[in-house]
Every structure is written in C-alpha cells, then in structure tokens.
C-alpha cells in the first residue's frame, strides 16, 4: 500500500442528499487499485453540521483524515479545491404547477421590467424628437411619429437582444455561454467564495 497513490478532486460547490455524506458523492476519486478506490468512495465524512437544506463549508482535510484512518500509508494528491461548499437541496421538490407558475412570474417581471427600462431610457434622451428631426432633415416633411426610423429602431432593439444573448446559436452544442450564463456563474462563484472565507474566519475566531 506504500506505493499506492490516491488522486482526489473536489469542485468548489458540490451537491449532496444530506447525511451521511459519502466521498464518492462529492469528489472524483482515482486509484490504481480499484478495490481501494471503491472502498474510499463509500466512506462517509464527518457531517454533523448538516442540519437540513442549505450550504455548508467543508475542508478537503475532512476527506483526507477520513481516508487516512483506514489507509494510513496511502499517498493522497489533492487536485481540486482546498475548501468547498456542500449544497443540500430540499427533499420535497416543488410541484410542477408551482414551478411553472414561478417561471411565468419571472418571465413577466423580466419582460415588463426590461420594457420599462427601455422606455425610460428612450424618454430620457428624447428618441422621438431625435427621430423627428432626422426624418424632417432628410425628407423635408414633418414626422408623424410612425416612420421607417421608428420601425427599424424597434426591430433592431429586439434583434440586438436576441443576438447578444445567443438565442440563434443554441442549436449548436459547442456555442459559447450567453452573457447571462456568465454572470450567473460569476455570481455563484462569488457566493461560494464568500461562504468559504466566512467559514474560515469563524473557525479562526473560535480557535
């Protein structure tokens, strides 16, 4: 066993069903001896802090200490995060009707919120007056407020949003993530980092 090496990789945020938390559930484990690898995957780490759904901060040392109790001569290489967050979801998922209702509510709020923002922006810079001056400058006749400029501008705003958020590229599995997906991922990373740093500071103050 002295020559055996265990490779361990844990992401910054992993999901678990609750207690007990098995190593194979939250980490990627690789060892040349498959019997050892299988035994390690079913080991459970200390998870008394988990009281229910939520996010809990753990250290990779919790995994290493658990493994070394049974395999003291096993060399462990950590290829992932030193600290990570275990997310425990609610056991009783919301009904399908409630999920659709929440989705519809978010869509309505996003639609009317975006529409209000666009109208407020256009009103602040007086787009209607600008288009009226441009139309009269190039045609010599006053604008009635419903010209090619207004139509092209309205269509262009809609197309611009669709193109910017890659809605036309979703058929391609290799397409880049949309700006919204990037922002959501950035937000999740910042939340995880804040939880980990807060947990470390709490342990230092208690120590």
C-alpha atoms as a PDB file:
ATOM      1  CA  UNK A   1       0.000   0.000   0.000  1.00  0.00           C
ATOM      2  CA  UNK A   2       3.008   2.295   0.451  1.00  0.00           C
ATOM      3  CA  UNK A   3       3.342   2.771  -3.295  1.00  0.00           C
ATOM      4  CA  UNK A   4      -0.349   3.448  -3.829  1.00  0.00           C
ATOM      5  CA  UNK A   5      -1.450   6.971  -4.723  1.00  0.00           C
ATOM      6  CA  UNK A   6      -4.953   8.340  -4.477  1.00  0.00           C
ATOM      7  CA  UNK A   7      -5.955  11.273  -6.662  1.00  0.00           C
ATOM      8  CA  UNK A   8      -8.721  13.406  -5.244  1.00  0.00           C
ATOM      9  CA  UNK A   9     -10.638  16.236  -6.918  1.00  0.00           C
ATOM     10  CA  UNK A  10     -13.443  18.287  -5.347  1.00  0.00           C
ATOM     11  CA  UNK A  11     -15.203  21.211  -7.030  1.00  0.00           C
ATOM     12  CA  UNK A  12     -15.895  24.448  -5.173  1.00  0.00           C
ATOM     13  CA  UNK A  13     -19.609  23.667  -4.895  1.00  0.00           C
ATOM     14  CA  UNK A  14     -20.945  20.108  -4.771  1.00  0.00           C
ATOM     15  CA  UNK A  15     -24.392  18.701  -4.057  1.00  0.00           C
ATOM     16  CA  UNK A  16     -25.353  16.047  -1.531  1.00  0.00           C
ATOM     17  CA  UNK A  17     -28.601  14.451  -0.432  1.00  0.00           C
ATOM     18  CA  UNK A  18     -27.858  15.091   3.248  1.00  0.00           C
ATOM     19  CA  UNK A  19     -26.308  12.924   5.929  1.00  0.00           C
ATOM     20  CA  UNK A  20     -24.393  10.687   5.608  1.00  0.00           C
ATOM     21  CA  UNK A  21     -22.135  12.316   3.003  1.00  0.00           C
ATOM     22  CA  UNK A  22     -20.092   9.770   1.083  1.00  0.00           C
ATOM     23  CA  UNK A  23     -16.786  10.694  -0.508  1.00  0.00           C
ATOM     24  CA  UNK A  24     -17.829   9.346  -3.889  1.00  0.00           C
ATOM     25  CA  UNK A  25     -20.866  11.600  -3.792  1.00  0.00           C
ATOM     26  CA  UNK A  26     -18.896  14.841  -3.561  1.00  0.00           C
ATOM     27  CA  UNK A  27     -15.459  14.046  -5.014  1.00  0.00           C
ATOM     28  CA  UNK A  28     -13.819  12.446  -8.007  1.00  0.00           C
ATOM     29  CA  UNK A  29     -11.600   9.633  -6.754  1.00  0.00           C
ATOM     30  CA  UNK A  30      -8.998   7.713  -8.743  1.00  0.00           C
ATOM     31  CA  UNK A  31      -6.623   4.974  -7.590  1.00  0.00           C
ATOM     32  CA  UNK A  32      -4.748   2.265  -9.483  1.00  0.00           C
ATOM     33  CA  UNK A  33      -6.174  -0.360  -7.108  1.00  0.00           C
ATOM     34  CA  UNK A  34      -9.867  -0.366  -7.889  1.00  0.00           C
ATOM     35  CA  UNK A  35     -10.811  -2.194  -4.701  1.00  0.00           C
ATOM     36  CA  UNK A  36      -9.272   0.614  -2.653  1.00  0.00           C
ATOM     37  CA  UNK A  37     -10.987   3.191  -4.830  1.00  0.00           C
ATOM     38  CA  UNK A  38     -14.369   1.527  -4.317  1.00  0.00           C
ATOM     39  CA  UNK A  39     -13.940   1.379  -0.550  1.00  0.00           C
ATOM     40  CA  UNK A  40     -12.963   5.038  -0.375  1.00  0.00           C
ATOM     41  CA  UNK A  41     -15.974   6.140  -2.420  1.00  0.00           C
ATOM     42  CA  UNK A  42     -18.408   4.671   0.116  1.00  0.00           C
ATOM     43  CA  UNK A  43     -16.640   6.202   3.143  1.00  0.00           C
ATOM     44  CA  UNK A  44     -18.529   8.960   4.933  1.00  0.00           C
ATOM     45  CA  UNK A  45     -17.019  12.215   6.135  1.00  0.00           C
ATOM     46  CA  UNK A  46     -17.977  13.948   9.435  1.00  0.00           C
ATOM     47  CA  UNK A  47     -21.119  15.907   8.590  1.00  0.00           C
ATOM     48  CA  UNK A  48     -22.740  16.722  11.929  1.00  0.00           C
ATOM     49  CA  UNK A  49     -23.008  20.383  10.912  1.00  0.00           C
ATOM     50  CA  UNK A  50     -25.561  19.484   8.256  1.00  0.00           C
ATOM     51  CA  UNK A  51     -28.955  20.091   9.854  1.00  0.00           C
ATOM     52  CA  UNK A  52     -31.090  20.400   6.755  1.00  0.00           C
ATOM     53  CA  UNK A  53     -31.235  22.073   3.350  1.00  0.00           C
ATOM     54  CA  UNK A  54     -28.635  24.776   2.869  1.00  0.00           C
ATOM     55  CA  UNK A  55     -24.964  25.390   2.124  1.00  0.00           C
ATOM     56  CA  UNK A  56     -22.198  24.114   4.383  1.00  0.00           C
ATOM     57  CA  UNK A  57     -18.448  24.764   4.212  1.00  0.00           C
ATOM     58  CA  UNK A  58     -16.055  21.813   4.425  1.00  0.00           C
ATOM     59  CA  UNK A  59     -12.323  21.323   4.027  1.00  0.00           C
ATOM     60  CA  UNK A  60     -10.544  18.706   1.937  1.00  0.00           C
ATOM     61  CA  UNK A  61      -8.778  17.717   5.165  1.00  0.00           C
ATOM     62  CA  UNK A  62     -12.081  16.221   6.300  1.00  0.00           C
ATOM     63  CA  UNK A  63     -11.791  13.792   3.405  1.00  0.00           C
ATOM     64  CA  UNK A  64      -8.066  13.180   3.845  1.00  0.00           C
ATOM     65  CA  UNK A  65      -8.409  12.427   7.559  1.00  0.00           C
ATOM     66  CA  UNK A  66     -11.249  10.008   6.891  1.00  0.00           C
ATOM     67  CA  UNK A  67      -9.235   8.136   4.273  1.00  0.00           C
ATOM     68  CA  UNK A  68      -6.026   8.029   6.313  1.00  0.00           C
ATOM     69  CA  UNK A  69      -7.785   6.424   9.268  1.00  0.00           C
ATOM     70  CA  UNK A  70      -8.303   3.302   7.179  1.00  0.00           C
ATOM     71  CA  UNK A  71      -5.372   3.664   4.778  1.00  0.00           C
ATOM     72  CA  UNK A  72      -2.572   5.369   6.761  1.00  0.00           C
ATOM     73  CA  UNK A  73       0.108   4.565   4.166  1.00  0.00           C
ATOM     74  CA  UNK A  74      -1.862   5.788   1.193  1.00  0.00           C
ATOM     75  CA  UNK A  75      -0.426   8.856  -0.551  1.00  0.00           C
ATOM     76  CA  UNK A  76      -3.165  11.381  -1.338  1.00  0.00           C
ATOM     77  CA  UNK A  77      -2.833  14.060  -4.005  1.00  0.00           C
ATOM     78  CA  UNK A  78      -5.491  16.752  -3.963  1.00  0.00           C
ATOM     79  CA  UNK A  79      -6.164  18.113  -7.453  1.00  0.00           C
ATOM     80  CA  UNK A  80      -9.207  20.184  -6.533  1.00  0.00           C
ATOM     81  CA  UNK A  81     -10.286  22.827  -4.058  1.00  0.00           C
ATOM     82  CA  UNK A  82      -8.836  23.063  -0.558  1.00  0.00           C
ATOM     83  CA  UNK A  83     -12.188  24.286   0.799  1.00  0.00           C
ATOM     84  CA  UNK A  84     -15.560  23.605  -0.743  1.00  0.00           C
ATOM     85  CA  UNK A  85     -19.280  24.100  -0.208  1.00  0.00           C
ATOM     86  CA  UNK A  86     -21.742  21.225   0.093  1.00  0.00           C
ATOM     87  CA  UNK A  87     -25.234  22.211  -1.038  1.00  0.00           C
ATOM     88  CA  UNK A  88     -28.095  20.163   0.378  1.00  0.00           C
ATOM     89  CA  UNK A  89     -31.318  20.579  -1.567  1.00  0.00           C
ATOM     90  CA  UNK A  90     -34.821  20.190  -0.191  1.00  0.00           C
ATOM     91  CA  UNK A  91     -36.064  16.618  -0.330  1.00  0.00           C
ATOM     92  CA  UNK A  92     -39.614  17.524  -1.316  1.00  0.00           C
ATOM     93  CA  UNK A  93     -39.385  19.195  -4.696  1.00  0.00           C
ATOM     94  CA  UNK A  94     -41.990  21.780  -5.620  1.00  0.00           C
ATOM     95  CA  UNK A  95     -44.928  20.651  -7.725  1.00  0.00           C
ATOM     96  CA  UNK A  96     -44.703  21.031 -11.477  1.00  0.00           C
ATOM     97  CA  UNK A  97     -47.570  23.545 -11.473  1.00  0.00           C
ATOM     98  CA  UNK A  98     -45.808  25.693  -8.867  1.00  0.00           C
ATOM     99  CA  UNK A  99     -42.550  25.545 -10.828  1.00  0.00           C
ATOM    100  CA  UNK A 100     -44.308  26.680 -13.991  1.00  0.00           C
ATOM    101  CA  UNK A 101     -46.011  29.458 -12.044  1.00  0.00           C
ATOM    102  CA  UNK A 102     -42.668  30.730 -10.709  1.00  0.00           C
ATOM    103  CA  UNK A 103     -41.158  30.575 -14.200  1.00  0.00           C
ATOM    104  CA  UNK A 104     -44.083  32.535 -15.644  1.00  0.00           C
ATOM    105  CA  UNK A 105     -43.818  35.154 -12.903  1.00  0.00           C
ATOM    106  CA  UNK A 106     -40.082  35.620 -13.540  1.00  0.00           C
ATOM    107  CA  UNK A 107     -40.707  35.918 -17.283  1.00  0.00           C
ATOM    108  CA  UNK A 108     -43.402  38.566 -16.763  1.00  0.00           C
ATOM    109  CA  UNK A 109     -41.247  40.561 -14.359  1.00  0.00           C
ATOM    110  CA  UNK A 110     -38.282  40.388 -16.734  1.00  0.00           C
ATOM    111  CA  UNK A 111     -40.384  41.366 -19.745  1.00  0.00           C
ATOM    112  CA  UNK A 112     -42.138  44.357 -18.195  1.00  0.00           C
ATOM    113  CA  UNK A 113     -39.006  45.420 -16.300  1.00  0.00           C
ATOM    114  CA  UNK A 114     -36.942  45.423 -19.479  1.00  0.00           C
ATOM    115  CA  UNK A 115     -39.715  47.226 -21.387  1.00  0.00           C
ATOM    116  CA  UNK A 116     -39.955  49.917 -18.707  1.00  0.00           C
ATOM    117  CA  UNK A 117     -36.165  50.371 -18.685  1.00  0.00           C
ATOM    118  CA  UNK A 118     -36.044  50.772 -22.465  1.00  0.00           C
ATOM    119  CA  UNK A 119     -38.928  53.245 -22.464  1.00  0.00           C
ATOM    120  CA  UNK A 120     -37.382  55.249 -19.623  1.00  0.00           C
ATOM    121  CA  UNK A 121     -34.063  55.388 -21.478  1.00  0.00           C
ATOM    122  CA  UNK A 122     -35.739  56.498 -24.719  1.00  0.00           C
ATOM    123  CA  UNK A 123     -37.695  59.136 -22.824  1.00  0.00           C
ATOM    124  CA  UNK A 124     -34.580  60.474 -21.090  1.00  0.00           C
ATOM    125  CA  UNK A 125     -32.722  61.060 -24.342  1.00  0.00           C
ATOM    126  CA  UNK A 126     -35.896  62.058 -26.291  1.00  0.00           C
ATOM    127  CA  UNK A 127     -35.518  59.474 -29.052  1.00  0.00           C
ATOM    128  CA  UNK A 128     -38.867  60.506 -30.586  1.00  0.00           C
ATOM    129  CA  UNK A 129     -37.713  64.100 -31.016  1.00  0.00           C
ATOM    130  CA  UNK A 130     -34.353  62.958 -32.387  1.00  0.00           C
ATOM    131  CA  UNK A 131     -36.007  60.722 -34.969  1.00  0.00           C
ATOM    132  CA  UNK A 132     -38.417  63.541 -35.834  1.00  0.00           C
ATOM    133  CA  UNK A 133     -35.540  65.949 -36.512  1.00  0.00           C
ATOM    134  CA  UNK A 134     -33.663  63.362 -38.569  1.00  0.00           C
ATOM    135  CA  UNK A 135     -36.718  62.454 -40.611  1.00  0.00           C
ATOM    136  CA  UNK A 136     -37.524  66.087 -41.356  1.00  0.00           C
ATOM    137  CA  UNK A 137     -33.866  66.811 -42.152  1.00  0.00           C
ATOM    138  CA  UNK A 138     -33.620  64.067 -44.800  1.00  0.00           C
ATOM    139  CA  UNK A 139     -37.155  64.155 -46.228  1.00  0.00           C
ATOM    140  CA  UNK A 140     -38.174  67.783 -45.724  1.00  0.00           C
ATOM    141  CA  UNK A 141     -41.543  66.765 -44.247  1.00  0.00           C
ATOM    142  CA  UNK A 142     -42.549  66.607 -40.580  1.00  0.00           C
ATOM    143  CA  UNK A 143     -42.638  63.176 -38.947  1.00  0.00           C
ATOM    144  CA  UNK A 144     -45.948  61.716 -37.779  1.00  0.00           C
ATOM    145  CA  UNK A 145     -44.150  59.542 -35.176  1.00  0.00           C
ATOM    146  CA  UNK A 146     -44.545  56.330 -37.170  1.00  0.00           C
ATOM    147  CA  UNK A 147     -41.841  56.247 -39.812  1.00  0.00           C
ATOM    148  CA  UNK A 148     -39.160  53.897 -41.072  1.00  0.00           C
ATOM    149  CA  UNK A 149     -36.795  55.163 -38.360  1.00  0.00           C
ATOM    150  CA  UNK A 150     -39.113  54.132 -35.500  1.00  0.00           C
ATOM    151  CA  UNK A 151     -39.889  50.767 -37.101  1.00  0.00           C
ATOM    152  CA  UNK A 152     -36.247  49.890 -37.802  1.00  0.00           C
ATOM    153  CA  UNK A 153     -35.219  51.024 -34.318  1.00  0.00           C
ATOM    154  CA  UNK A 154     -37.871  48.855 -32.627  1.00  0.00           C
ATOM    155  CA  UNK A 155     -36.980  45.805 -34.704  1.00  0.00           C
ATOM    156  CA  UNK A 156     -33.260  46.435 -34.185  1.00  0.00           C
ATOM    157  CA  UNK A 157     -33.596  46.544 -30.395  1.00  0.00           C
ATOM    158  CA  UNK A 158     -35.354  43.170 -30.375  1.00  0.00           C
ATOM    159  CA  UNK A 159     -32.916  41.542 -32.776  1.00  0.00           C
ATOM    160  CA  UNK A 160     -29.971  43.020 -30.908  1.00  0.00           C
ATOM    161  CA  UNK A 161     -31.117  41.437 -27.637  1.00  0.00           C
ATOM    162  CA  UNK A 162     -31.681  38.049 -29.288  1.00  0.00           C
ATOM    163  CA  UNK A 163     -28.283  38.091 -30.998  1.00  0.00           C
ATOM    164  CA  UNK A 164     -26.462  39.407 -27.906  1.00  0.00           C
ATOM    165  CA  UNK A 165     -27.836  36.593 -25.753  1.00  0.00           C
ATOM    166  CA  UNK A 166     -27.025  33.955 -28.414  1.00  0.00           C
ATOM    167  CA  UNK A 167     -30.597  32.784 -28.878  1.00  0.00           C
ATOM    168  CA  UNK A 168     -29.862  31.915 -32.504  1.00  0.00           C
ATOM    169  CA  UNK A 169     -26.806  29.854 -31.531  1.00  0.00           C
ATOM    170  CA  UNK A 170     -28.477  27.472 -29.073  1.00  0.00           C
ATOM    171  CA  UNK A 171     -28.811  24.768 -31.726  1.00  0.00           C
ATOM    172  CA  UNK A 172     -25.054  24.429 -31.705  1.00  0.00           C
ATOM    173  CA  UNK A 173     -23.949  22.404 -28.676  1.00  0.00           C
ATOM    174  CA  UNK A 174     -20.492  23.983 -28.851  1.00  0.00           C
ATOM    175  CA  UNK A 175     -21.758  27.561 -28.714  1.00  0.00           C
ATOM    176  CA  UNK A 176     -20.253  29.920 -26.166  1.00  0.00           C
ATOM    177  CA  UNK A 177     -22.200  30.601 -22.963  1.00  0.00           C
ATOM    178  CA  UNK A 178     -24.520  33.577 -23.062  1.00  0.00           C
ATOM    179  CA  UNK A 179     -23.649  36.752 -21.115  1.00  0.00           C
ATOM    180  CA  UNK A 180     -26.442  35.893 -18.679  1.00  0.00           C
ATOM    181  CA  UNK A 181     -24.940  32.447 -18.038  1.00  0.00           C
ATOM    182  CA  UNK A 182     -21.525  34.019 -17.477  1.00  0.00           C
ATOM    183  CA  UNK A 183     -22.965  36.499 -14.966  1.00  0.00           C
ATOM    184  CA  UNK A 184     -24.851  33.758 -13.130  1.00  0.00           C
ATOM    185  CA  UNK A 185     -21.721  31.629 -12.934  1.00  0.00           C
ATOM    186  CA  UNK A 186     -19.718  34.605 -11.659  1.00  0.00           C
ATOM    187  CA  UNK A 187     -22.362  35.289  -9.037  1.00  0.00           C
ATOM    188  CA  UNK A 188     -22.341  31.644  -7.865  1.00  0.00           C
ATOM    189  CA  UNK A 189     -18.531  31.641  -7.629  1.00  0.00           C
ATOM    190  CA  UNK A 190     -18.582  34.846  -5.560  1.00  0.00           C
ATOM    191  CA  UNK A 191     -21.227  33.405  -3.218  1.00  0.00           C
ATOM    192  CA  UNK A 192     -19.187  30.220  -2.713  1.00  0.00           C
ATOM    193  CA  UNK A 193     -16.001  32.203  -2.095  1.00  0.00           C
ATOM    194  CA  UNK A 194     -17.775  34.415   0.447  1.00  0.00           C
ATOM    195  CA  UNK A 195     -19.176  31.390   2.289  1.00  0.00           C
ATOM    196  CA  UNK A 196     -15.752  29.735   2.422  1.00  0.00           C
ATOM    197  CA  UNK A 197     -13.998  32.886   3.629  1.00  0.00           C
ATOM    198  CA  UNK A 198     -16.692  33.500   6.254  1.00  0.00           C
ATOM    199  CA  UNK A 199     -16.383  29.907   7.452  1.00  0.00           C
ATOM    200  CA  UNK A 200     -12.590  30.176   7.728  1.00  0.00           C
ATOM    201  CA  UNK A 201     -12.812  33.439   9.679  1.00  0.00           C
ATOM    202  CA  UNK A 202     -15.354  31.904  12.031  1.00  0.00           C
ATOM    203  CA  UNK A 203     -13.059  28.959  12.722  1.00  0.00           C
ATOM    204  CA  UNK A 204     -10.094  31.301  13.330  1.00  0.00           C
ATOM    205  CA  UNK A 205     -12.072  33.410  15.804  1.00  0.00           C
ATOM    206  CA  UNK A 206     -13.239  30.306  17.648  1.00  0.00           C
ATOM    207  CA  UNK A 207      -9.698  28.925  17.707  1.00  0.00           C
END
